[in-house]
Amino acid sequence: MGLDLEEEEKEVKTAPKTRTKRTKELLEEHAKRMEDLKEEHGNLEKEIEALDSEEKALGVKDAINLKITHEKFGAGNITKQDGKYIEVEFSDVVKKFVLPGAIADGYLKIDDEDLLDYYKKRNDIHNRSLKAHLALRSNEFAMERLQDDIDKLNEKSK
């Protein structure tokens, strides 16, 4: 009747796992971080809504038949507008540009200061919206990764 090591090993292996102090601390830290990320997510959604409202308040101005000047191609006329894309007919070539950036950034010059101001405001809103959408996606990915970490810690302690 020697030592029965196999039975002792079985007992050790079947003992229920308990959460270690470090696991509990990590879970608490992750839960706090998740709350912060959810709050940030809500703030970003509100910012995007505000930018959409600001853009809607500006209205939409048709650029067709607008006289413009380009540094390389000279004087031209906007002949077609499809959403944010425009076609400009110059004396010897037709080129495509993206609104509002082409006018706001000075690639296409216009004489009407009010219209220039409109395109600059629209471009500013567009750029801030892109930045907010990028931050929102980044936030969502961070929440997914954090949730995966929380799930792994919970599995480990089962």
N, C-alpha and C. Protein backbone atom coordinates (compact mmCIF):
# COMPACT_ATOMS: atom_id res chain seq x y z
N MET A 1 0.80 -1.15 0.00
CA MET A 1 0.00 0.00 0.00
C MET A 1 0.87 1.25 0.00
N GLY A 2 1.45 1.45 -1.08
CA GLY A 2 2.26 2.64 -1.25
C GLY A 2 1.40 3.86 -1.52
N LEU A 3 2.06 4.86 -1.84
CA LEU A 3 1.34 6.09 -2.16
C LEU A 3 0.62 5.94 -3.50
N ASP A 4 -0.61 6.38 -3.52
CA ASP A 4 -1.38 6.33 -4.76
C ASP A 4 -1.34 7.71 -5.40
N LEU A 5 -0.30 7.95 -6.20
CA LEU A 5 -0.07 9.26 -6.79
C LEU A 5 -1.11 9.63 -7.83
N GLU A 6 -1.58 8.61 -8.55
CA GLU A 6 -2.54 8.91 -9.60
C GLU A 6 -3.81 9.52 -9.03
N GLU A 7 -4.28 8.99 -7.90
CA GLU A 7 -5.50 9.50 -7.31
C GLU A 7 -5.30 10.92 -6.77
N GLU A 8 -4.14 11.19 -6.19
CA GLU A 8 -3.85 12.52 -5.68
C GLU A 8 -3.81 13.53 -6.83
N GLU A 9 -3.20 13.14 -7.95
CA GLU A 9 -3.13 14.03 -9.11
C GLU A 9 -4.52 14.34 -9.63
N LYS A 10 -5.41 13.35 -9.64
CA LYS A 10 -6.77 13.57 -10.10
C LYS A 10 -7.48 14.58 -9.22
N GLU A 11 -7.25 14.47 -7.94
CA GLU A 11 -7.90 15.40 -7.01
C GLU A 11 -7.42 16.83 -7.25
N VAL A 12 -6.15 16.98 -7.49
CA VAL A 12 -5.60 18.30 -7.72
C VAL A 12 -6.16 18.87 -9.03
N LYS A 13 -6.24 18.06 -10.06
CA LYS A 13 -6.71 18.53 -11.36
C LYS A 13 -8.19 18.88 -11.34
N THR A 14 -8.97 18.20 -10.55
CA THR A 14 -10.40 18.43 -10.55
C THR A 14 -10.83 19.51 -9.57
N ALA A 15 -9.91 20.03 -8.82
CA ALA A 15 -10.26 21.09 -7.87
C ALA A 15 -10.73 22.31 -8.66
N PRO A 16 -11.82 22.94 -8.22
CA PRO A 16 -12.32 24.10 -8.95
C PRO A 16 -11.33 25.26 -8.89
N LYS A 17 -11.21 25.94 -10.05
CA LYS A 17 -10.30 27.09 -10.10
C LYS A 17 -10.96 28.26 -9.39
N THR A 18 -10.15 29.00 -8.70
CA THR A 18 -10.65 30.21 -8.05
C THR A 18 -9.94 31.39 -8.69
N ARG A 19 -10.61 32.51 -8.74
CA ARG A 19 -10.00 33.70 -9.31
C ARG A 19 -8.88 34.18 -8.40
N THR A 20 -7.77 34.43 -9.04
CA THR A 20 -6.66 34.98 -8.27
C THR A 20 -6.91 36.47 -8.05
N LYS A 21 -6.18 37.00 -7.15
CA LYS A 21 -6.30 38.42 -6.85
C LYS A 21 -5.99 39.25 -8.09
N ARG A 22 -4.96 38.84 -8.83
CA ARG A 22 -4.56 39.58 -10.04
C ARG A 22 -5.66 39.51 -11.10
N THR A 23 -6.30 38.37 -11.27
CA THR A 23 -7.38 38.23 -12.25
C THR A 23 -8.53 39.15 -11.88
N LYS A 24 -8.86 39.19 -10.60
CA LYS A 24 -9.93 40.08 -10.16
C LYS A 24 -9.58 41.54 -10.43
N GLU A 25 -8.32 41.90 -10.16
CA GLU A 25 -7.89 43.27 -10.42
C GLU A 25 -7.97 43.61 -11.90
N LEU A 26 -7.54 42.67 -12.74
CA LEU A 26 -7.60 42.88 -14.19
C LEU A 26 -9.03 43.04 -14.67
N LEU A 27 -9.92 42.20 -14.15
CA LEU A 27 -11.33 42.30 -14.53
C LEU A 27 -11.92 43.65 -14.11
N GLU A 28 -11.56 44.12 -12.94
CA GLU A 28 -12.04 45.43 -12.48
C GLU A 28 -11.50 46.56 -13.36
N GLU A 29 -10.20 46.47 -13.69
CA GLU A 29 -9.58 47.48 -14.56
C GLU A 29 -10.24 47.48 -15.94
N HIS A 30 -10.48 46.29 -16.47
CA HIS A 30 -11.12 46.16 -17.79
C HIS A 30 -12.55 46.70 -17.76
N ALA A 31 -13.26 46.43 -16.68
CA ALA A 31 -14.64 46.92 -16.57
C ALA A 31 -14.65 48.45 -16.54
N LYS A 32 -13.71 49.05 -15.81
CA LYS A 32 -13.62 50.50 -15.75
C LYS A 32 -13.26 51.07 -17.12
N ARG A 33 -12.31 50.43 -17.78
CA ARG A 33 -11.90 50.88 -19.12
C ARG A 33 -13.07 50.76 -20.10
N MET A 34 -13.86 49.71 -19.98
CA MET A 34 -15.01 49.51 -20.86
C MET A 34 -16.04 50.63 -20.64
N GLU A 35 -16.25 51.01 -19.40
CA GLU A 35 -17.17 52.13 -19.10
C GLU A 35 -16.67 53.41 -19.77
N ASP A 36 -15.36 53.65 -19.67
CA ASP A 36 -14.78 54.85 -20.28
C ASP A 36 -14.95 54.82 -21.80
N LEU A 37 -14.71 53.65 -22.40
CA LEU A 37 -14.86 53.52 -23.85
C LEU A 37 -16.31 53.72 -24.29
N LYS A 38 -17.25 53.21 -23.51
CA LYS A 38 -18.66 53.38 -23.85
C LYS A 38 -19.06 54.85 -23.75
N GLU A 39 -18.54 55.55 -22.74
CA GLU A 39 -18.83 56.98 -22.61
C GLU A 39 -18.25 57.75 -23.79
N GLU A 40 -17.02 57.42 -24.16
CA GLU A 40 -16.37 58.06 -25.30
C GLU A 40 -17.16 57.78 -26.58
N HIS A 41 -17.65 56.56 -26.72
CA HIS A 41 -18.44 56.16 -27.89
C HIS A 41 -19.69 57.04 -28.00
N GLY A 42 -20.36 57.22 -26.89
CA GLY A 42 -21.56 58.07 -26.87
C GLY A 42 -21.24 59.51 -27.24
N ASN A 43 -20.13 60.02 -26.72
CA ASN A 43 -19.72 61.40 -27.04
C ASN A 43 -19.39 61.55 -28.52
N LEU A 44 -18.73 60.55 -29.10
CA LEU A 44 -18.40 60.60 -30.53
C LEU A 44 -19.66 60.55 -31.39
N GLU A 45 -20.62 59.74 -30.99
CA GLU A 45 -21.87 59.67 -31.74
C GLU A 45 -22.60 61.02 -31.70
N LYS A 46 -22.59 61.68 -30.53
CA LYS A 46 -23.21 63.00 -30.41
C LYS A 46 -22.48 64.03 -31.28
N GLU A 47 -21.15 63.94 -31.30
CA GLU A 47 -20.37 64.86 -32.13
C GLU A 47 -20.70 64.68 -33.61
N ILE A 48 -20.84 63.43 -34.04
CA ILE A 48 -21.17 63.16 -35.43
C ILE A 48 -22.57 63.68 -35.76
N GLU A 49 -23.51 63.50 -34.85
CA GLU A 49 -24.86 64.03 -35.05
C GLU A 49 -24.83 65.55 -35.17
N ALA A 50 -24.04 66.21 -34.33
CA ALA A 50 -23.94 67.67 -34.37
C ALA A 50 -23.33 68.13 -35.69
N LEU A 51 -22.31 67.40 -36.17
CA LEU A 51 -21.69 67.75 -37.45
C LEU A 51 -22.67 67.55 -38.61
N ASP A 52 -23.47 66.48 -38.54
CA ASP A 52 -24.48 66.25 -39.57
C ASP A 52 -25.51 67.38 -39.58
N SER A 53 -25.91 67.83 -38.40
CA SER A 53 -26.87 68.94 -38.30
C SER A 53 -26.26 70.23 -38.84
N GLU A 54 -24.99 70.45 -38.51
CA GLU A 54 -24.29 71.64 -38.99
C GLU A 54 -24.19 71.64 -40.52
N GLU A 55 -23.91 70.45 -41.08
CA GLU A 55 -23.82 70.32 -42.53
C GLU A 55 -25.18 70.55 -43.18
N LYS A 56 -26.21 70.00 -42.57
CA LYS A 56 -27.57 70.16 -43.10
C LYS A 56 -27.98 71.63 -43.06
N ALA A 57 -27.59 72.35 -42.00
CA ALA A 57 -27.93 73.77 -41.85
C ALA A 57 -27.26 74.62 -42.93
N LEU A 58 -26.08 74.18 -43.40
CA LEU A 58 -25.41 74.92 -44.48
C LEU A 58 -26.18 74.84 -45.78
N GLY A 59 -26.85 73.72 -45.99
CA GLY A 59 -27.59 73.53 -47.23
C GLY A 59 -26.69 73.02 -48.34
N VAL A 60 -27.28 72.85 -49.50
CA VAL A 60 -26.54 72.36 -50.65
C VAL A 60 -26.59 73.42 -51.75
N LYS A 61 -25.44 73.76 -52.26
CA LYS A 61 -25.37 74.73 -53.35
C LYS A 61 -24.86 74.03 -54.60
N ASP A 62 -25.56 74.24 -55.66
CA ASP A 62 -25.22 73.65 -56.95
C ASP A 62 -24.02 74.38 -57.55
N ALA A 63 -23.05 73.64 -58.03
CA ALA A 63 -21.84 74.24 -58.58
C ALA A 63 -21.86 74.32 -60.11
N ILE A 64 -22.89 73.78 -60.73
CA ILE A 64 -22.95 73.76 -62.20
C ILE A 64 -22.97 75.19 -62.73
N ASN A 65 -22.23 75.39 -63.82
CA ASN A 65 -22.06 76.67 -64.52
C ASN A 65 -21.24 77.69 -63.72
N LEU A 66 -20.60 77.24 -62.68
CA LEU A 66 -19.74 78.13 -61.89
C LEU A 66 -18.44 78.33 -62.66
N LYS A 67 -18.02 79.58 -62.78
CA LYS A 67 -16.77 79.92 -63.47
C LYS A 67 -15.63 79.80 -62.47
N ILE A 68 -14.62 79.04 -62.84
CA ILE A 68 -13.47 78.83 -61.96
C ILE A 68 -12.17 79.08 -62.72
N THR A 69 -11.08 79.13 -61.97
CA THR A 69 -9.75 79.25 -62.56
C THR A 69 -8.85 78.22 -61.89
N HIS A 70 -8.06 77.53 -62.71
CA HIS A 70 -7.10 76.55 -62.22
C HIS A 70 -5.72 77.04 -62.60
N GLU A 71 -4.75 76.84 -61.71
CA GLU A 71 -3.39 77.33 -61.93
C GLU A 71 -2.78 76.80 -63.22
N LYS A 72 -2.99 75.52 -63.53
CA LYS A 72 -2.37 74.91 -64.70
C LYS A 72 -3.26 74.98 -65.94
N PHE A 73 -4.56 74.75 -65.77
CA PHE A 73 -5.46 74.64 -66.93
C PHE A 73 -6.14 75.95 -67.30
N GLY A 74 -6.04 76.96 -66.45
CA GLY A 74 -6.63 78.26 -66.77
C GLY A 74 -8.10 78.35 -66.40
N ALA A 75 -8.83 79.18 -67.16
CA ALA A 75 -10.25 79.40 -66.89
C ALA A 75 -11.06 78.19 -67.32
N GLY A 76 -12.12 77.92 -66.53
CA GLY A 76 -12.98 76.79 -66.85
C GLY A 76 -14.38 77.00 -66.34
N ASN A 77 -15.24 76.05 -66.69
CA ASN A 77 -16.64 76.11 -66.30
C ASN A 77 -17.05 74.72 -65.78
N ILE A 78 -17.73 74.69 -64.63
CA ILE A 78 -18.20 73.41 -64.10
C ILE A 78 -19.41 72.99 -64.91
N THR A 79 -19.29 71.83 -65.57
CA THR A 79 -20.36 71.37 -66.47
C THR A 79 -21.20 70.26 -65.89
N LYS A 80 -20.68 69.55 -64.89
CA LYS A 80 -21.41 68.41 -64.35
C LYS A 80 -21.09 68.26 -62.88
N GLN A 81 -22.11 67.91 -62.10
CA GLN A 81 -21.91 67.65 -60.67
C GLN A 81 -22.66 66.37 -60.32
N ASP A 82 -21.91 65.41 -59.77
CA ASP A 82 -22.49 64.13 -59.36
C ASP A 82 -22.09 63.91 -57.90
N GLY A 83 -22.96 64.33 -56.99
CA GLY A 83 -22.63 64.24 -55.57
C GLY A 83 -21.48 65.17 -55.26
N LYS A 84 -20.39 64.58 -54.76
CA LYS A 84 -19.24 65.42 -54.41
C LYS A 84 -18.25 65.58 -55.56
N TYR A 85 -18.52 64.94 -56.70
CA TYR A 85 -17.62 65.02 -57.84
C TYR A 85 -18.13 66.03 -58.87
N ILE A 86 -17.20 66.80 -59.43
CA ILE A 86 -17.56 67.75 -60.47
C ILE A 86 -16.66 67.54 -61.68
N GLU A 87 -17.18 67.92 -62.84
CA GLU A 87 -16.38 67.95 -64.06
C GLU A 87 -16.23 69.39 -64.47
N VAL A 88 -15.00 69.76 -64.75
CA VAL A 88 -14.72 71.13 -65.17
C VAL A 88 -14.20 71.09 -66.60
N GLU A 89 -14.84 71.89 -67.45
CA GLU A 89 -14.44 71.97 -68.84
C GLU A 89 -13.53 73.18 -69.01
N PHE A 90 -12.29 72.90 -69.36
CA PHE A 90 -11.33 73.96 -69.66
C PHE A 90 -11.28 74.10 -71.18
N SER A 91 -10.47 74.98 -71.69
CA SER A 91 -10.46 75.23 -73.13
C SER A 91 -10.07 74.00 -73.95
N ASP A 92 -9.18 73.16 -73.42
CA ASP A 92 -8.74 72.02 -74.21
C ASP A 92 -8.88 70.66 -73.51
N VAL A 93 -9.43 70.64 -72.30
CA VAL A 93 -9.51 69.39 -71.56
C VAL A 93 -10.65 69.45 -70.54
N VAL A 94 -11.19 68.26 -70.20
CA VAL A 94 -12.19 68.15 -69.14
C VAL A 94 -11.55 67.38 -67.99
N LYS A 95 -11.64 67.95 -66.77
CA LYS A 95 -11.03 67.33 -65.59
C LYS A 95 -12.09 67.14 -64.51
N LYS A 96 -11.86 66.11 -63.67
CA LYS A 96 -12.74 65.84 -62.54
C LYS A 96 -12.07 66.28 -61.25
N PHE A 97 -12.90 66.82 -60.34
CA PHE A 97 -12.42 67.26 -59.03
C PHE A 97 -13.42 66.83 -57.97
N VAL A 98 -13.00 66.91 -56.72
CA VAL A 98 -13.85 66.56 -55.59
C VAL A 98 -14.20 67.84 -54.84
N LEU A 99 -15.50 68.03 -54.62
CA LEU A 99 -15.97 69.15 -53.81
C LEU A 99 -16.17 68.68 -52.39
N PRO A 100 -16.03 69.48 -51.42
CA PRO A 100 -15.70 70.89 -51.44
C PRO A 100 -14.21 71.18 -51.42
N GLY A 101 -13.40 70.13 -51.29
CA GLY A 101 -11.95 70.30 -51.12
C GLY A 101 -11.26 71.05 -52.24
N ALA A 102 -11.66 70.78 -53.47
CA ALA A 102 -10.96 71.42 -54.60
C ALA A 102 -11.05 72.94 -54.54
N ILE A 103 -12.20 73.44 -54.13
CA ILE A 103 -12.37 74.90 -54.03
C ILE A 103 -11.83 75.41 -52.69
N ALA A 104 -12.16 74.72 -51.61
CA ALA A 104 -11.74 75.17 -50.28
C ALA A 104 -10.22 75.18 -50.13
N ASP A 105 -9.55 74.20 -50.73
CA ASP A 105 -8.09 74.12 -50.61
C ASP A 105 -7.36 74.96 -51.66
N GLY A 106 -8.12 75.62 -52.56
CA GLY A 106 -7.52 76.56 -53.50
C GLY A 106 -7.07 75.98 -54.83
N TYR A 107 -7.39 74.72 -55.10
CA TYR A 107 -7.02 74.14 -56.40
C TYR A 107 -7.84 74.79 -57.51
N LEU A 108 -9.11 75.06 -57.20
CA LEU A 108 -9.98 75.78 -58.11
C LEU A 108 -10.31 77.11 -57.45
N LYS A 109 -10.09 78.19 -58.16
CA LYS A 109 -10.32 79.51 -57.59
C LYS A 109 -11.63 80.08 -58.14
N ILE A 110 -12.39 80.71 -57.22
CA ILE A 110 -13.63 81.36 -57.61
C ILE A 110 -13.61 82.80 -57.09
N ASP A 111 -14.35 83.67 -57.75
CA ASP A 111 -14.37 85.08 -57.38
C ASP A 111 -15.37 85.38 -56.27
N ASP A 112 -16.43 84.61 -56.17
CA ASP A 112 -17.51 84.86 -55.20
C ASP A 112 -17.04 84.49 -53.79
N GLU A 113 -16.82 85.51 -52.95
CA GLU A 113 -16.31 85.28 -51.58
C GLU A 113 -17.31 84.51 -50.72
N ASP A 114 -18.60 84.79 -50.91
CA ASP A 114 -19.63 84.07 -50.12
C ASP A 114 -19.62 82.59 -50.45
N LEU A 115 -19.51 82.28 -51.73
CA LEU A 115 -19.47 80.88 -52.15
C LEU A 115 -18.18 80.21 -51.69
N LEU A 116 -17.08 80.93 -51.73
CA LEU A 116 -15.81 80.41 -51.25
C LEU A 116 -15.91 80.10 -49.76
N ASP A 117 -16.52 81.00 -49.00
CA ASP A 117 -16.73 80.79 -47.58
C ASP A 117 -17.60 79.56 -47.33
N TYR A 118 -18.64 79.38 -48.14
CA TYR A 118 -19.52 78.20 -48.03
C TYR A 118 -18.71 76.91 -48.21
N TYR A 119 -17.88 76.85 -49.25
CA TYR A 119 -17.10 75.64 -49.51
C TYR A 119 -16.03 75.40 -48.44
N LYS A 120 -15.49 76.46 -47.89
CA LYS A 120 -14.52 76.29 -46.80
C LYS A 120 -15.19 75.73 -45.55
N LYS A 121 -16.38 76.25 -45.22
CA LYS A 121 -17.12 75.73 -44.07
C LYS A 121 -17.49 74.27 -44.29
N ARG A 122 -17.98 73.98 -45.49
CA ARG A 122 -18.39 72.61 -45.82
C ARG A 122 -17.20 71.65 -45.74
N ASN A 123 -16.04 72.09 -46.21
CA ASN A 123 -14.83 71.27 -46.17
C ASN A 123 -14.38 71.04 -44.73
N ASP A 124 -14.48 72.08 -43.90
CA ASP A 124 -14.12 71.96 -42.49
C ASP A 124 -15.01 70.93 -41.79
N ILE A 125 -16.31 71.02 -42.04
CA ILE A 125 -17.25 70.06 -41.45
C ILE A 125 -16.94 68.66 -41.94
N HIS A 126 -16.66 68.53 -43.22
CA HIS A 126 -16.34 67.22 -43.81
C HIS A 126 -15.09 66.62 -43.15
N ASN A 127 -14.06 67.42 -42.98
CA ASN A 127 -12.81 66.92 -42.36
C ASN A 127 -13.02 66.53 -40.90
N ARG A 128 -13.77 67.34 -40.16
CA ARG A 128 -14.05 67.00 -38.76
C ARG A 128 -14.91 65.74 -38.66
N SER A 129 -15.83 65.58 -39.60
CA SER A 129 -16.67 64.39 -39.61
C SER A 129 -15.85 63.13 -39.89
N LEU A 130 -14.94 63.22 -40.85
CA LEU A 130 -14.06 62.08 -41.14
C LEU A 130 -13.24 61.70 -39.92
N LYS A 131 -12.72 62.69 -39.24
CA LYS A 131 -11.91 62.47 -38.04
C LYS A 131 -12.75 61.81 -36.94
N ALA A 132 -13.98 62.29 -36.76
CA ALA A 132 -14.87 61.73 -35.73
C ALA A 132 -15.27 60.30 -36.07
N HIS A 133 -15.55 60.02 -37.35
CA HIS A 133 -15.90 58.66 -37.75
C HIS A 133 -14.72 57.70 -37.54
N LEU A 134 -13.52 58.18 -37.84
CA LEU A 134 -12.32 57.36 -37.62
C LEU A 134 -12.13 57.06 -36.14
N ALA A 135 -12.32 58.07 -35.30
CA ALA A 135 -12.20 57.88 -33.85
C ALA A 135 -13.27 56.92 -33.34
N LEU A 136 -14.48 57.00 -33.90
CA LEU A 136 -15.56 56.10 -33.51
C LEU A 136 -15.22 54.66 -33.85
N ARG A 137 -14.71 54.43 -35.06
CA ARG A 137 -14.32 53.06 -35.45
C ARG A 137 -13.20 52.54 -34.57
N SER A 138 -12.23 53.38 -34.28
CA SER A 138 -11.13 52.99 -33.41
C SER A 138 -11.66 52.62 -32.03
N ASN A 139 -12.60 53.40 -31.53
CA ASN A 139 -13.22 53.14 -30.23
C ASN A 139 -13.95 51.79 -30.25
N GLU A 140 -14.66 51.52 -31.33
CA GLU A 140 -15.40 50.26 -31.42
C GLU A 140 -14.44 49.06 -31.44
N PHE A 141 -13.32 49.20 -32.16
CA PHE A 141 -12.34 48.12 -32.18
C PHE A 141 -11.72 47.92 -30.80
N ALA A 142 -11.45 49.02 -30.10
CA ALA A 142 -10.88 48.93 -28.75
C ALA A 142 -11.86 48.21 -27.81
N MET A 143 -13.15 48.51 -27.95
CA MET A 143 -14.14 47.84 -27.11
C MET A 143 -14.20 46.34 -27.42
N GLU A 144 -14.11 45.99 -28.70
CA GLU A 144 -14.12 44.57 -29.08
C GLU A 144 -12.92 43.84 -28.50
N ARG A 145 -11.73 44.44 -28.63
CA ARG A 145 -10.51 43.81 -28.09
C ARG A 145 -10.61 43.67 -26.58
N LEU A 146 -11.10 44.69 -25.92
CA LEU A 146 -11.23 44.65 -24.47
C LEU A 146 -12.23 43.58 -24.04
N GLN A 147 -13.34 43.47 -24.78
CA GLN A 147 -14.33 42.44 -24.46
C GLN A 147 -13.72 41.05 -24.64
N ASP A 148 -12.89 40.87 -25.67
CA ASP A 148 -12.20 39.58 -25.86
C ASP A 148 -11.30 39.28 -24.66
N ASP A 149 -10.58 40.29 -24.18
CA ASP A 149 -9.71 40.10 -23.01
C ASP A 149 -10.53 39.73 -21.78
N ILE A 150 -11.67 40.39 -21.60
CA ILE A 150 -12.54 40.08 -20.46
C ILE A 150 -13.04 38.65 -20.56
N ASP A 151 -13.45 38.24 -21.75
CA ASP A 151 -13.95 36.87 -21.96
C ASP A 151 -12.86 35.85 -21.65
N LYS A 152 -11.63 36.13 -22.08
CA LYS A 152 -10.51 35.21 -21.82
C LYS A 152 -10.24 35.10 -20.33
N LEU A 153 -10.27 36.23 -19.64
CA LEU A 153 -10.05 36.19 -18.18
C LEU A 153 -11.16 35.41 -17.47
N ASN A 154 -12.40 35.58 -17.92
CA ASN A 154 -13.50 34.84 -17.32
C ASN A 154 -13.40 33.35 -17.61
N GLU A 155 -12.94 32.99 -18.80
CA GLU A 155 -12.75 31.57 -19.14
C GLU A 155 -11.64 30.97 -18.29
N LYS A 156 -10.60 31.74 -18.09
CA LYS A 156 -9.46 31.27 -17.31
C LYS A 156 -9.86 30.95 -15.88
N SER A 157 -10.80 31.71 -15.35
CA SER A 157 -11.14 31.52 -13.94
C SER A 157 -12.28 30.53 -13.75
N LYS A 158 -12.76 29.92 -14.82
CA LYS A 158 -13.83 28.93 -14.67
C LYS A 158 -13.28 27.58 -14.29
